[in-house]
């Protein structure tokens, strides 16, 4: 059943519009963010190869808003490179992990207006599915509308049902969503336990995002609680009192799947793995936020799971 957007939710949305506007020039990478790593998983340049997709109009790229993401993996010993051409098996065979973050379709259609088309053609989707089935590891990150819709067809191959909307916690400032082990929203899982007690994760912060479900086997990492709703506008970032609003309780923003011989980590929020500065206001969002001190270690734990260390 849909509900109208309450006044309090509209106030939160106004704040989000200031912070997360589709005007991409307002969000820049925090190039000064340099988290320390107590015990790198590999010697410099000796770890598994990671490809970051840049062939699908990605909002996040290795030299752009995911520069801190790439740098953190490199400090942990991983070999990170951009993937700038459509997916073919020969390219994927060069890597252990493929990262797809906020892909968008090409063409002249405005992606922020429904319907949202797939960022990937059918051949690419089959290629990625078969590569994972044979032992590859996919890290699929798709934020709120339109990114969720653009990744929907690929996600379905792994039994992931994405909601092309906005997950919003009306009880927190600026729509931040906190997941903690103490309340069960952050799962007790090998990823949250890490390789040793120093890597244990008690809480992570997401910054809005979408919500998804597993249509088959999967392990939840980040489960949305009853105070989180899913808003479903016709145009991204255009909300009104009539915008459909559903409860997102029990839906996910993070999870993992064993698929054939391979592994999939899926997240419905991208900023939590970035380090961004939003103007105006010089607001920090992501691993650089003082409200998210464990997000960087959580990122490392996820990549350790994808590469088989956990």
C-alpha atoms as a PDB file:
ATOM      1  CA  UNK A   1       0.000   0.000   0.000  1.00  0.00           C
ATOM      2  CA  UNK A   2       1.321   3.431  -0.895  1.00  0.00           C
ATOM      3  CA  UNK A   3       1.297   6.417   1.438  1.00  0.00           C
ATOM      4  CA  UNK A   4       1.776  10.106   0.856  1.00  0.00           C
ATOM      5  CA  UNK A   5       5.068  11.631   1.897  1.00  0.00           C
ATOM      6  CA  UNK A   6       4.784  13.198   5.348  1.00  0.00           C
ATOM      7  CA  UNK A   7       5.924  16.724   6.163  1.00  0.00           C
ATOM      8  CA  UNK A   8       8.904  15.445   8.181  1.00  0.00           C
ATOM      9  CA  UNK A   9      10.037  13.283   5.281  1.00  0.00           C
ATOM     10  CA  UNK A  10       9.747  16.247   2.923  1.00  0.00           C
ATOM     11  CA  UNK A  11      12.074  18.235   5.201  1.00  0.00           C
ATOM     12  CA  UNK A  12      14.646  15.432   5.025  1.00  0.00           C
ATOM     13  CA  UNK A  13      14.270  15.315   1.252  1.00  0.00           C
ATOM     14  CA  UNK A  14      14.972  19.040   1.003  1.00  0.00           C
ATOM     15  CA  UNK A  15      18.220  18.456   2.884  1.00  0.00           C
ATOM     16  CA  UNK A  16      19.098  15.576   0.592  1.00  0.00           C
ATOM     17  CA  UNK A  17      18.458  17.708  -2.455  1.00  0.00           C
ATOM     18  CA  UNK A  18      21.052  20.151  -1.205  1.00  0.00           C
ATOM     19  CA  UNK A  19      23.570  17.394  -0.541  1.00  0.00           C
ATOM     20  CA  UNK A  20      22.903  14.792  -3.230  1.00  0.00           C
ATOM     21  CA  UNK A  21      21.621  16.781  -6.162  1.00  0.00           C
ATOM     22  CA  UNK A  22      21.993  15.271  -9.612  1.00  0.00           C
ATOM     23  CA  UNK A  23      24.223  18.232 -10.386  1.00  0.00           C
ATOM     24  CA  UNK A  24      27.315  16.054 -10.341  1.00  0.00           C
ATOM     25  CA  UNK A  25      29.742  18.987 -10.237  1.00  0.00           C
ATOM     26  CA  UNK A  26      28.732  19.503  -6.599  1.00  0.00           C
ATOM     27  CA  UNK A  27      30.333  16.214  -5.532  1.00  0.00           C
ATOM     28  CA  UNK A  28      34.097  15.864  -5.776  1.00  0.00           C
ATOM     29  CA  UNK A  29      36.541  13.263  -4.548  1.00  0.00           C
ATOM     30  CA  UNK A  30      38.332  13.980  -1.278  1.00  0.00           C
ATOM     31  CA  UNK A  31      41.877  13.472  -2.556  1.00  0.00           C
ATOM     32  CA  UNK A  32      43.343  14.170   0.898  1.00  0.00           C
ATOM     33  CA  UNK A  33      41.651  11.163   2.461  1.00  0.00           C
ATOM     34  CA  UNK A  34      44.401   8.665   3.329  1.00  0.00           C
ATOM     35  CA  UNK A  35      43.270   5.970   5.778  1.00  0.00           C
ATOM     36  CA  UNK A  36      45.954   3.824   7.344  1.00  0.00           C
ATOM     37  CA  UNK A  37      46.047   0.034   7.001  1.00  0.00           C
ATOM     38  CA  UNK A  38      47.405  -1.810   9.983  1.00  0.00           C
ATOM     39  CA  UNK A  39      48.307  -5.003   8.140  1.00  0.00           C
ATOM     40  CA  UNK A  40      48.085  -4.937   4.325  1.00  0.00           C
ATOM     41  CA  UNK A  41      46.747  -8.169   2.880  1.00  0.00           C
ATOM     42  CA  UNK A  42      49.468  -8.310   0.222  1.00  0.00           C
ATOM     43  CA  UNK A  43      52.794  -6.725  -0.566  1.00  0.00           C
ATOM     44  CA  UNK A  44      52.494  -3.669  -2.811  1.00  0.00           C
ATOM     45  CA  UNK A  45      51.327  -4.716  -6.270  1.00  0.00           C
ATOM     46  CA  UNK A  46      51.334  -8.431  -5.389  1.00  0.00           C
ATOM     47  CA  UNK A  47      47.627  -8.920  -4.748  1.00  0.00           C
ATOM     48  CA  UNK A  48      44.780  -9.993  -7.025  1.00  0.00           C
ATOM     49  CA  UNK A  49      43.772  -7.865  -9.995  1.00  0.00           C
ATOM     50  CA  UNK A  50      40.705  -5.639  -9.672  1.00  0.00           C
ATOM     51  CA  UNK A  51      38.925  -4.039 -12.633  1.00  0.00           C
ATOM     52  CA  UNK A  52      36.749  -0.962 -12.049  1.00  0.00           C
ATOM     53  CA  UNK A  53      34.110  -0.523 -14.754  1.00  0.00           C
ATOM     54  CA  UNK A  54      34.325   2.778 -16.630  1.00  0.00           C
ATOM     55  CA  UNK A  55      32.616   1.698 -19.860  1.00  0.00           C
ATOM     56  CA  UNK A  56      29.008   2.341 -18.883  1.00  0.00           C
ATOM     57  CA  UNK A  57      28.685   6.064 -18.136  1.00  0.00           C
ATOM     58  CA  UNK A  58      29.672   5.302 -14.555  1.00  0.00           C
ATOM     59  CA  UNK A  59      29.090   8.002 -11.964  1.00  0.00           C
ATOM     60  CA  UNK A  60      32.149   6.666 -10.118  1.00  0.00           C
ATOM     61  CA  UNK A  61      35.480   6.047 -11.844  1.00  0.00           C
ATOM     62  CA  UNK A  62      38.970   5.134 -10.699  1.00  0.00           C
ATOM     63  CA  UNK A  63      40.375   8.628 -11.205  1.00  0.00           C
ATOM     64  CA  UNK A  64      37.135  10.355 -10.220  1.00  0.00           C
ATOM     65  CA  UNK A  65      34.787   9.862  -7.270  1.00  0.00           C
ATOM     66  CA  UNK A  66      36.143   6.361  -6.580  1.00  0.00           C
ATOM     67  CA  UNK A  67      39.763   7.473  -6.406  1.00  0.00           C
ATOM     68  CA  UNK A  68      39.802   6.919  -2.594  1.00  0.00           C
ATOM     69  CA  UNK A  69      38.245   3.458  -3.182  1.00  0.00           C
ATOM     70  CA  UNK A  70      41.010   2.544  -5.647  1.00  0.00           C
ATOM     71  CA  UNK A  71      43.774   3.991  -3.474  1.00  0.00           C
ATOM     72  CA  UNK A  72      42.645   2.009  -0.446  1.00  0.00           C
ATOM     73  CA  UNK A  73      42.715  -1.241  -2.407  1.00  0.00           C
ATOM     74  CA  UNK A  74      46.165  -0.383  -3.786  1.00  0.00           C
ATOM     75  CA  UNK A  75      47.473   0.273  -0.273  1.00  0.00           C
ATOM     76  CA  UNK A  76      46.195  -3.214   0.617  1.00  0.00           C
ATOM     77  CA  UNK A  77      48.295  -4.663  -2.213  1.00  0.00           C
ATOM     78  CA  UNK A  78      45.640  -5.113  -4.903  1.00  0.00           C
ATOM     79  CA  UNK A  79      46.380  -4.272  -8.526  1.00  0.00           C
ATOM     80  CA  UNK A  80      43.629  -1.904  -9.659  1.00  0.00           C
ATOM     81  CA  UNK A  81      42.907  -0.877 -13.246  1.00  0.00           C
ATOM     82  CA  UNK A  82      40.002   0.702 -15.132  1.00  0.00           C
ATOM     83  CA  UNK A  83      37.873  -1.354 -17.536  1.00  0.00           C
ATOM     84  CA  UNK A  84      37.003   1.085 -20.345  1.00  0.00           C
ATOM     85  CA  UNK A  85      35.483  -1.246 -22.934  1.00  0.00           C
ATOM     86  CA  UNK A  86      32.323  -3.349 -22.896  1.00  0.00           C
ATOM     87  CA  UNK A  87      32.618  -6.630 -21.044  1.00  0.00           C
ATOM     88  CA  UNK A  88      34.141  -9.546 -22.955  1.00  0.00           C
ATOM     89  CA  UNK A  89      35.404 -12.770 -21.411  1.00  0.00           C
ATOM     90  CA  UNK A  90      39.053 -12.229 -22.378  1.00  0.00           C
ATOM     91  CA  UNK A  91      39.184  -8.970 -20.394  1.00  0.00           C
ATOM     92  CA  UNK A  92      37.473 -10.405 -17.337  1.00  0.00           C
ATOM     93  CA  UNK A  93      39.868 -13.353 -17.290  1.00  0.00           C
ATOM     94  CA  UNK A  94      42.630 -10.866 -16.451  1.00  0.00           C
ATOM     95  CA  UNK A  95      41.039 -10.069 -13.114  1.00  0.00           C
ATOM     96  CA  UNK A  96      39.880 -11.732  -9.929  1.00  0.00           C
ATOM     97  CA  UNK A  97      37.363  -8.996  -9.048  1.00  0.00           C
ATOM     98  CA  UNK A  98      35.138  -6.813 -11.245  1.00  0.00           C
ATOM     99  CA  UNK A  99      33.747  -3.674  -9.600  1.00  0.00           C
ATOM    100  CA  UNK A 100      30.676  -2.069 -11.197  1.00  0.00           C
ATOM    101  CA  UNK A 101      29.637   1.137  -9.461  1.00  0.00           C
ATOM    102  CA  UNK A 102      26.662   3.221 -10.587  1.00  0.00           C
ATOM    103  CA  UNK A 103      26.519   2.356 -14.256  1.00  0.00           C
ATOM    104  CA  UNK A 104      24.054   4.178 -16.511  1.00  0.00           C
ATOM    105  CA  UNK A 105      22.654   3.496 -19.986  1.00  0.00           C
ATOM    106  CA  UNK A 106      23.945   5.344 -23.006  1.00  0.00           C
ATOM    107  CA  UNK A 107      21.950   7.036 -25.729  1.00  0.00           C
ATOM    108  CA  UNK A 108      19.827  10.156 -25.638  1.00  0.00           C
ATOM    109  CA  UNK A 109      17.163   8.988 -23.190  1.00  0.00           C
ATOM    110  CA  UNK A 110      17.207  10.902 -19.892  1.00  0.00           C
ATOM    111  CA  UNK A 111      18.095   8.203 -17.355  1.00  0.00           C
ATOM    112  CA  UNK A 112      16.470  10.139 -14.516  1.00  0.00           C
ATOM    113  CA  UNK A 113      13.007   9.767 -16.079  1.00  0.00           C
ATOM    114  CA  UNK A 114      11.202   6.417 -15.997  1.00  0.00           C
ATOM    115  CA  UNK A 115      11.547   3.937 -17.566  1.00  0.00           C
ATOM    116  CA  UNK A 116      15.227   3.328 -16.765  1.00  0.00           C
ATOM    117  CA  UNK A 117      16.984   1.182 -19.366  1.00  0.00           C
ATOM    118  CA  UNK A 118      19.753  -1.321 -18.695  1.00  0.00           C
ATOM    119  CA  UNK A 119      23.329  -0.068 -18.702  1.00  0.00           C
ATOM    120  CA  UNK A 120      24.431  -3.439 -20.130  1.00  0.00           C
ATOM    121  CA  UNK A 121      23.454  -5.343 -23.246  1.00  0.00           C
ATOM    122  CA  UNK A 122      22.390  -8.974 -23.115  1.00  0.00           C
ATOM    123  CA  UNK A 123      25.781 -10.288 -24.289  1.00  0.00           C
ATOM    124  CA  UNK A 124      27.600  -8.427 -21.514  1.00  0.00           C
ATOM    125  CA  UNK A 125      25.156  -9.680 -18.905  1.00  0.00           C
ATOM    126  CA  UNK A 126      25.687 -13.286 -20.018  1.00  0.00           C
ATOM    127  CA  UNK A 127      29.456 -12.778 -20.068  1.00  0.00           C
ATOM    128  CA  UNK A 128      29.560 -11.457 -16.496  1.00  0.00           C
ATOM    129  CA  UNK A 129      27.193 -14.175 -15.227  1.00  0.00           C
ATOM    130  CA  UNK A 130      29.239 -16.982 -16.800  1.00  0.00           C
ATOM    131  CA  UNK A 131      32.543 -15.490 -15.599  1.00  0.00           C
ATOM    132  CA  UNK A 132      31.270 -15.377 -12.008  1.00  0.00           C
ATOM    133  CA  UNK A 133      29.841 -18.887 -12.290  1.00  0.00           C
ATOM    134  CA  UNK A 134      33.289 -20.100 -13.317  1.00  0.00           C
ATOM    135  CA  UNK A 135      35.040 -18.485 -10.356  1.00  0.00           C
ATOM    136  CA  UNK A 136      35.104 -14.695 -10.814  1.00  0.00           C
ATOM    137  CA  UNK A 137      34.068 -12.228  -8.120  1.00  0.00           C
ATOM    138  CA  UNK A 138      31.633  -9.396  -8.838  1.00  0.00           C
ATOM    139  CA  UNK A 139      31.222  -6.324  -6.652  1.00  0.00           C
ATOM    140  CA  UNK A 140      27.979  -4.713  -7.836  1.00  0.00           C
ATOM    141  CA  UNK A 141      27.143  -1.282  -6.413  1.00  0.00           C
ATOM    142  CA  UNK A 142      23.953   0.453  -7.548  1.00  0.00           C
ATOM    143  CA  UNK A 143      22.631   3.487  -5.700  1.00  0.00           C
ATOM    144  CA  UNK A 144      19.168   5.066  -5.728  1.00  0.00           C
ATOM    145  CA  UNK A 145      17.199   5.732  -8.918  1.00  0.00           C
ATOM    146  CA  UNK A 146      18.268   5.705 -11.741  1.00  0.00           C
ATOM    147  CA  UNK A 147      21.326   3.562 -10.888  1.00  0.00           C
ATOM    148  CA  UNK A 148      19.260   0.716  -9.438  1.00  0.00           C
ATOM    149  CA  UNK A 149      17.140   0.522 -12.572  1.00  0.00           C
ATOM    150  CA  UNK A 150      20.197   0.557 -14.832  1.00  0.00           C
ATOM    151  CA  UNK A 151      21.677  -2.443 -12.975  1.00  0.00           C
ATOM    152  CA  UNK A 152      18.413  -4.354 -12.601  1.00  0.00           C
ATOM    153  CA  UNK A 153      18.834  -6.761 -15.529  1.00  0.00           C
ATOM    154  CA  UNK A 154      22.364  -7.719 -14.489  1.00  0.00           C
ATOM    155  CA  UNK A 155      21.365  -8.093 -10.840  1.00  0.00           C
ATOM    156  CA  UNK A 156      18.487 -10.433 -11.718  1.00  0.00           C
ATOM    157  CA  UNK A 157      20.980 -12.954 -13.134  1.00  0.00           C
ATOM    158  CA  UNK A 158      22.215 -13.483  -9.574  1.00  0.00           C
ATOM    159  CA  UNK A 159      18.807 -13.521  -7.902  1.00  0.00           C
ATOM    160  CA  UNK A 160      18.901  -9.881  -6.795  1.00  0.00           C
ATOM    161  CA  UNK A 161      15.705  -7.819  -7.112  1.00  0.00           C
ATOM    162  CA  UNK A 162      16.505  -4.101  -6.995  1.00  0.00           C
ATOM    163  CA  UNK A 163      14.003  -1.339  -6.237  1.00  0.00           C
ATOM    164  CA  UNK A 164      14.518   1.678  -8.476  1.00  0.00           C
ATOM    165  CA  UNK A 165      13.771   4.269  -5.808  1.00  0.00           C
ATOM    166  CA  UNK A 166      15.179   6.055  -2.753  1.00  0.00           C
ATOM    167  CA  UNK A 167      15.626   4.457   0.689  1.00  0.00           C
ATOM    168  CA  UNK A 168      15.154   7.098   3.363  1.00  0.00           C
ATOM    169  CA  UNK A 169      15.422   7.017   7.133  1.00  0.00           C
ATOM    170  CA  UNK A 170      13.248   9.922   8.255  1.00  0.00           C
ATOM    171  CA  UNK A 171      14.574   9.724  11.810  1.00  0.00           C
ATOM    172  CA  UNK A 172      18.182  10.648  11.000  1.00  0.00           C
ATOM    173  CA  UNK A 173      19.836  13.845   9.835  1.00  0.00           C
ATOM    174  CA  UNK A 174      20.272  14.206   6.060  1.00  0.00           C
ATOM    175  CA  UNK A 175      18.915  10.713   5.436  1.00  0.00           C
ATOM    176  CA  UNK A 176      21.946   8.851   6.808  1.00  0.00           C
ATOM    177  CA  UNK A 177      21.242   5.194   7.556  1.00  0.00           C
ATOM    178  CA  UNK A 178      23.173   3.506  10.357  1.00  0.00           C
ATOM    179  CA  UNK A 179      23.608  -0.271  10.478  1.00  0.00           C
ATOM    180  CA  UNK A 180      24.820  -1.800  13.742  1.00  0.00           C
ATOM    181  CA  UNK A 181      25.513  -5.263  15.031  1.00  0.00           C
ATOM    182  CA  UNK A 182      23.868  -4.355  18.326  1.00  0.00           C
ATOM    183  CA  UNK A 183      20.411  -3.973  16.753  1.00  0.00           C
ATOM    184  CA  UNK A 184      20.871  -6.722  14.158  1.00  0.00           C
ATOM    185  CA  UNK A 185      20.759  -4.436  11.131  1.00  0.00           C
ATOM    186  CA  UNK A 186      24.439  -5.251  10.496  1.00  0.00           C
ATOM    187  CA  UNK A 187      24.856  -9.006  10.320  1.00  0.00           C
ATOM    188  CA  UNK A 188      27.275 -11.095  12.330  1.00  0.00           C
ATOM    189  CA  UNK A 189      29.134 -12.484   9.312  1.00  0.00           C
ATOM    190  CA  UNK A 190      32.720 -13.384   8.356  1.00  0.00           C
ATOM    191  CA  UNK A 191      32.896 -10.003   6.596  1.00  0.00           C
ATOM    192  CA  UNK A 192      31.917  -8.047   9.712  1.00  0.00           C
ATOM    193  CA  UNK A 193      34.190 -10.217  11.880  1.00  0.00           C
ATOM    194  CA  UNK A 194      37.195  -9.720   9.602  1.00  0.00           C
ATOM    195  CA  UNK A 195      40.391 -11.755   9.673  1.00  0.00           C
ATOM    196  CA  UNK A 196      41.133 -10.846  13.293  1.00  0.00           C
ATOM    197  CA  UNK A 197      39.558  -8.787  16.113  1.00  0.00           C
ATOM    198  CA  UNK A 198      41.198  -5.555  14.917  1.00  0.00           C
ATOM    199  CA  UNK A 199      39.170  -5.802  11.687  1.00  0.00           C
ATOM    200  CA  UNK A 200      35.824  -6.405  13.399  1.00  0.00           C
ATOM    201  CA  UNK A 201      33.020  -4.058  12.305  1.00  0.00           C
ATOM    202  CA  UNK A 202      30.335  -2.890  14.736  1.00  0.00           C
ATOM    203  CA  UNK A 203      28.617  -0.244  12.577  1.00  0.00           C
ATOM    204  CA  UNK A 204      28.611   1.261   9.100  1.00  0.00           C
ATOM    205  CA  UNK A 205      26.890   4.297   7.635  1.00  0.00           C
ATOM    206  CA  UNK A 206      25.052   4.503   4.308  1.00  0.00           C
ATOM    207  CA  UNK A 207      24.032   7.755   2.639  1.00  0.00           C
ATOM    208  CA  UNK A 208      20.475   7.270   1.289  1.00  0.00           C
ATOM    209  CA  UNK A 209      20.612   4.616  -1.510  1.00  0.00           C
ATOM    210  CA  UNK A 210      18.097   2.036  -2.704  1.00  0.00           C
ATOM    211  CA  UNK A 211      16.729  -1.225  -1.299  1.00  0.00           C
ATOM    212  CA  UNK A 212      16.825  -4.753  -2.723  1.00  0.00           C
ATOM    213  CA  UNK A 213      15.815  -8.343  -1.974  1.00  0.00           C
ATOM    214  CA  UNK A 214      17.277 -11.752  -2.717  1.00  0.00           C
ATOM    215  CA  UNK A 215      15.127 -13.973  -4.915  1.00  0.00           C
ATOM    216  CA  UNK A 216      17.094 -17.058  -3.962  1.00  0.00           C
ATOM    217  CA  UNK A 217      20.112 -17.934  -1.803  1.00  0.00           C
ATOM    218  CA  UNK A 218      21.970 -14.972  -0.316  1.00  0.00           C
ATOM    219  CA  UNK A 219      23.397 -13.692   2.934  1.00  0.00           C
ATOM    220  CA  UNK A 220      22.269 -10.344   4.302  1.00  0.00           C
ATOM    221  CA  UNK A 221      24.880  -7.879   5.539  1.00  0.00           C
ATOM    222  CA  UNK A 222      22.873  -4.654   5.896  1.00  0.00           C
ATOM    223  CA  UNK A 223      19.158  -4.971   6.638  1.00  0.00           C
ATOM    224  CA  UNK A 224      16.873  -1.935   6.626  1.00  0.00           C
ATOM    225  CA  UNK A 225      14.729  -1.409   9.707  1.00  0.00           C
ATOM    226  CA  UNK A 226      11.095  -0.352  10.124  1.00  0.00           C
ATOM    227  CA  UNK A 227      11.965   3.356  10.255  1.00  0.00           C
ATOM    228  CA  UNK A 228      13.213   3.295   6.624  1.00  0.00           C
ATOM    229  CA  UNK A 229      10.870   3.914   3.700  1.00  0.00           C
ATOM    230  CA  UNK A 230      11.251   3.498  -0.039  1.00  0.00           C
ATOM    231  CA  UNK A 231      10.193   6.480  -2.171  1.00  0.00           C
ATOM    232  CA  UNK A 232       9.340   5.779  -5.810  1.00  0.00           C
ATOM    233  CA  UNK A 233       9.258   8.986  -7.876  1.00  0.00           C
ATOM    234  CA  UNK A 234       8.660   9.109 -11.624  1.00  0.00           C
ATOM    235  CA  UNK A 235      11.654  11.421 -12.030  1.00  0.00           C
ATOM    236  CA  UNK A 236      14.772  11.134  -9.879  1.00  0.00           C
ATOM    237  CA  UNK A 237      14.940  13.762  -7.126  1.00  0.00           C
ATOM    238  CA  UNK A 238      11.473  15.105  -7.904  1.00  0.00           C
ATOM    239  CA  UNK A 239       9.285  14.439  -4.863  1.00  0.00           C
ATOM    240  CA  UNK A 240       5.847  15.660  -3.899  1.00  0.00           C
ATOM    241  CA  UNK A 241       3.146  14.877  -1.373  1.00  0.00           C
ATOM    242  CA  UNK A 242       1.830  12.270  -3.849  1.00  0.00           C
ATOM    243  CA  UNK A 243       5.119  10.380  -4.315  1.00  0.00           C
ATOM    244  CA  UNK A 244       4.466   6.674  -3.573  1.00  0.00           C
ATOM    245  CA  UNK A 245       6.123   5.580  -0.347  1.00  0.00           C
ATOM    246  CA  UNK A 246       6.488   1.985   0.859  1.00  0.00           C
ATOM    247  CA  UNK A 247       8.029   0.466   3.957  1.00  0.00           C
ATOM    248  CA  UNK A 248      11.543  -0.850   3.260  1.00  0.00           C
ATOM    249  CA  UNK A 249      11.678  -2.834   6.509  1.00  0.00           C
ATOM    250  CA  UNK A 250      13.422  -6.152   5.950  1.00  0.00           C
ATOM    251  CA  UNK A 251      14.887  -5.131   2.600  1.00  0.00           C
ATOM    252  CA  UNK A 252      18.650  -4.931   2.158  1.00  0.00           C
ATOM    253  CA  UNK A 253      21.364  -2.439   1.314  1.00  0.00           C
ATOM    254  CA  UNK A 254      24.181  -4.958   1.455  1.00  0.00           C
ATOM    255  CA  UNK A 255      24.572  -8.688   0.951  1.00  0.00           C
ATOM    256  CA  UNK A 256      26.658 -11.464  -0.565  1.00  0.00           C
ATOM    257  CA  UNK A 257      25.993 -14.527  -2.706  1.00  0.00           C
ATOM    258  CA  UNK A 258      27.909 -17.671  -3.571  1.00  0.00           C
ATOM    259  CA  UNK A 259      27.193 -18.183  -7.273  1.00  0.00           C
ATOM    260  CA  UNK A 260      28.579 -21.327  -8.854  1.00  0.00           C
ATOM    261  CA  UNK A 261      32.330 -21.227  -8.211  1.00  0.00           C
ATOM    262  CA  UNK A 262      32.290 -17.444  -7.801  1.00  0.00           C
ATOM    263  CA  UNK A 263      31.146 -14.772  -5.392  1.00  0.00           C
ATOM    264  CA  UNK A 264      28.970 -11.657  -5.602  1.00  0.00           C
ATOM    265  CA  UNK A 265      28.868  -8.721  -3.179  1.00  0.00           C
ATOM    266  CA  UNK A 266      25.977  -6.330  -3.809  1.00  0.00           C
ATOM    267  CA  UNK A 267      25.303  -2.943  -2.250  1.00  0.00           C
ATOM    268  CA  UNK A 268      22.475  -0.470  -2.777  1.00  0.00           C
ATOM    269  CA  UNK A 269      24.526   2.581  -1.809  1.00  0.00           C
ATOM    270  CA  UNK A 270      27.741   3.921  -3.292  1.00  0.00           C
ATOM    271  CA  UNK A 271      28.903   6.873  -1.176  1.00  0.00           C
ATOM    272  CA  UNK A 272      29.723   4.647   1.796  1.00  0.00           C
ATOM    273  CA  UNK A 273      32.723   3.331  -0.171  1.00  0.00           C
ATOM    274  CA  UNK A 274      33.806   6.758  -1.422  1.00  0.00           C
ATOM    275  CA  UNK A 275      35.261   9.839   0.243  1.00  0.00           C
ATOM    276  CA  UNK A 276      33.464  12.840  -1.201  1.00  0.00           C
ATOM    277  CA  UNK A 277      33.139  16.535  -0.552  1.00  0.00           C
ATOM    278  CA  UNK A 278      29.818  18.124  -1.392  1.00  0.00           C
ATOM    279  CA  UNK A 279      29.508  21.804  -2.198  1.00  0.00           C
ATOM    280  CA  UNK A 280      28.128  24.127  -1.018  1.00  0.00           C
ATOM    281  CA  UNK A 281      28.907  23.526   2.626  1.00  0.00           C
ATOM    282  CA  UNK A 282      32.034  21.383   2.264  1.00  0.00           C
ATOM    283  CA  UNK A 283      30.094  18.397   3.629  1.00  0.00           C
ATOM    284  CA  UNK A 284      31.960  15.115   3.940  1.00  0.00           C
ATOM    285  CA  UNK A 285      30.278  11.915   2.784  1.00  0.00           C
ATOM    286  CA  UNK A 286      31.671   8.415   2.779  1.00  0.00           C
ATOM    287  CA  UNK A 287      34.751   6.950   4.432  1.00  0.00           C
ATOM    288  CA  UNK A 288      35.969  10.457   5.283  1.00  0.00           C
ATOM    289  CA  UNK A 289      32.865  11.270   7.321  1.00  0.00           C
ATOM    290  CA  UNK A 290      33.469  11.365  11.088  1.00  0.00           C
ATOM    291  CA  UNK A 291      30.127   9.557  11.408  1.00  0.00           C
ATOM    292  CA  UNK A 292      31.472   6.544   9.457  1.00  0.00           C
ATOM    293  CA  UNK A 293      34.790   5.595  11.102  1.00  0.00           C
ATOM    294  CA  UNK A 294      34.520   1.889  10.211  1.00  0.00           C
ATOM    295  CA  UNK A 295      33.431   2.202   6.584  1.00  0.00           C
ATOM    296  CA  UNK A 296      37.010   1.973   5.275  1.00  0.00           C
ATOM    297  CA  UNK A 297      37.698  -1.275   7.133  1.00  0.00           C
ATOM    298  CA  UNK A 298      34.330  -2.606   5.975  1.00  0.00           C
ATOM    299  CA  UNK A 299      35.399  -1.952   2.375  1.00  0.00           C
ATOM    300  CA  UNK A 300      38.600  -3.904   2.959  1.00  0.00           C
ATOM    301  CA  UNK A 301      36.713  -6.771   4.573  1.00  0.00           C
ATOM    302  CA  UNK A 302      34.390  -6.996   1.559  1.00  0.00           C
ATOM    303  CA  UNK A 303      37.280  -7.160  -0.903  1.00  0.00           C
ATOM    304  CA  UNK A 304      39.012  -9.746   1.305  1.00  0.00           C
ATOM    305  CA  UNK A 305      35.860 -11.883   1.091  1.00  0.00           C
ATOM    306  CA  UNK A 306      35.655 -11.468  -2.673  1.00  0.00           C
ATOM    307  CA  UNK A 307      39.297 -12.491  -3.089  1.00  0.00           C
ATOM    308  CA  UNK A 308      38.927 -15.505  -0.796  1.00  0.00           C
ATOM    309  CA  UNK A 309      40.945 -14.272   2.195  1.00  0.00           C
ATOM    310  CA  UNK A 310      37.787 -14.434   4.335  1.00  0.00           C
END
